[in-house]
Amino acid sequence: MCQLMSKNNKIIYQLTVEDIQNVANQELGRSLSDAEIESIIEPIAEKIW
């Protein structure tokens, strides 16, 4: 049972602000503002669920 619980709690994917900024720089040619980062947190979470 402990092995199953540890597998269920394993982090599969983690995004950092740096990851998001790297994609923004590649795709948009610029970094996102703090407000832009805040505005995409919920939509990203919704796509994952």
C-alpha atoms as a PDB file:
ATOM      1  CA  MET A   1       0.000   0.000   0.000  1.00  0.00           C
ATOM      2  CA  CYS A   2       2.832   2.463   0.765  1.00  0.00           C
ATOM      3  CA  GLN A   3       4.325   1.872  -2.670  1.00  0.00           C
ATOM      4  CA  LEU A   4       0.966   2.597  -4.330  1.00  0.00           C
ATOM      5  CA  MET A   5       0.496   5.786  -2.312  1.00  0.00           C
ATOM      6  CA  SER A   6       3.961   7.026  -3.212  1.00  0.00           C
ATOM      7  CA  LYS A   7       3.229   6.360  -6.895  1.00  0.00           C
ATOM      8  CA  ASN A   8      -0.052   8.259  -6.630  1.00  0.00           C
ATOM      9  CA  ASN A   9       1.727  11.252  -5.092  1.00  0.00           C
ATOM     10  CA  LYS A  10       4.570  11.275  -7.611  1.00  0.00           C
ATOM     11  CA  ILE A  11       4.966  14.566  -9.469  1.00  0.00           C
ATOM     12  CA  ILE A  12       4.712  13.888 -13.180  1.00  0.00           C
ATOM     13  CA  TYR A  13       5.108  17.399 -14.534  1.00  0.00           C
ATOM     14  CA  GLN A  14       5.973  20.694 -12.908  1.00  0.00           C
ATOM     15  CA  LEU A  15       5.995  24.098 -14.591  1.00  0.00           C
ATOM     16  CA  THR A  16       7.986  26.985 -13.231  1.00  0.00           C
ATOM     17  CA  VAL A  17       7.675  30.650 -14.151  1.00  0.00           C
ATOM     18  CA  GLU A  18      11.060  30.237 -15.832  1.00  0.00           C
ATOM     19  CA  ASP A  19       9.619  27.455 -18.024  1.00  0.00           C
ATOM     20  CA  ILE A  20       6.696  29.671 -19.010  1.00  0.00           C
ATOM     21  CA  GLN A  21       9.014  32.597 -19.720  1.00  0.00           C
ATOM     22  CA  ASN A  22      11.236  30.403 -21.901  1.00  0.00           C
ATOM     23  CA  VAL A  23       8.236  29.420 -24.020  1.00  0.00           C
ATOM     24  CA  ALA A  24       7.024  33.024 -24.184  1.00  0.00           C
ATOM     25  CA  ASN A  25      10.436  34.166 -25.356  1.00  0.00           C
ATOM     26  CA  GLN A  26      10.561  31.434 -28.005  1.00  0.00           C
ATOM     27  CA  GLU A  27       6.997  31.955 -29.230  1.00  0.00           C
ATOM     28  CA  LEU A  28       6.445  35.682 -28.679  1.00  0.00           C
ATOM     29  CA  GLY A  29       9.989  37.002 -28.673  1.00  0.00           C
ATOM     30  CA  ARG A  30       9.507  38.572 -25.234  1.00  0.00           C
ATOM     31  CA  SER A  31       8.986  37.786 -21.572  1.00  0.00           C
ATOM     32  CA  LEU A  32       5.546  37.958 -19.993  1.00  0.00           C
ATOM     33  CA  SER A  33       4.694  40.524 -17.355  1.00  0.00           C
ATOM     34  CA  ASP A  34       3.731  39.441 -13.845  1.00  0.00           C
ATOM     35  CA  ALA A  35       0.093  40.211 -14.705  1.00  0.00           C
ATOM     36  CA  GLU A  36       0.286  38.045 -17.834  1.00  0.00           C
ATOM     37  CA  ILE A  37       1.790  35.175 -15.846  1.00  0.00           C
ATOM     38  CA  GLU A  38      -1.008  35.475 -13.274  1.00  0.00           C
ATOM     39  CA  SER A  39      -3.636  35.502 -16.034  1.00  0.00           C
ATOM     40  CA  ILE A  40      -2.487  32.188 -17.526  1.00  0.00           C
ATOM     41  CA  ILE A  41      -2.131  30.161 -14.325  1.00  0.00           C
ATOM     42  CA  GLU A  42      -5.792  29.117 -14.209  1.00  0.00           C
ATOM     43  CA  PRO A  43      -6.102  28.287 -17.942  1.00  0.00           C
ATOM     44  CA  ILE A  44      -2.986  26.104 -17.735  1.00  0.00           C
ATOM     45  CA  ALA A  45      -4.360  24.297 -14.677  1.00  0.00           C
ATOM     46  CA  GLU A  46      -7.689  23.734 -16.452  1.00  0.00           C
ATOM     47  CA  LYS A  47      -5.921  22.123 -19.436  1.00  0.00           C
ATOM     48  CA  ILE A  48      -4.053  19.737 -17.148  1.00  0.00           C
ATOM     49  CA  TRP A  49      -7.190  18.569 -15.330  1.00  0.00           C
END
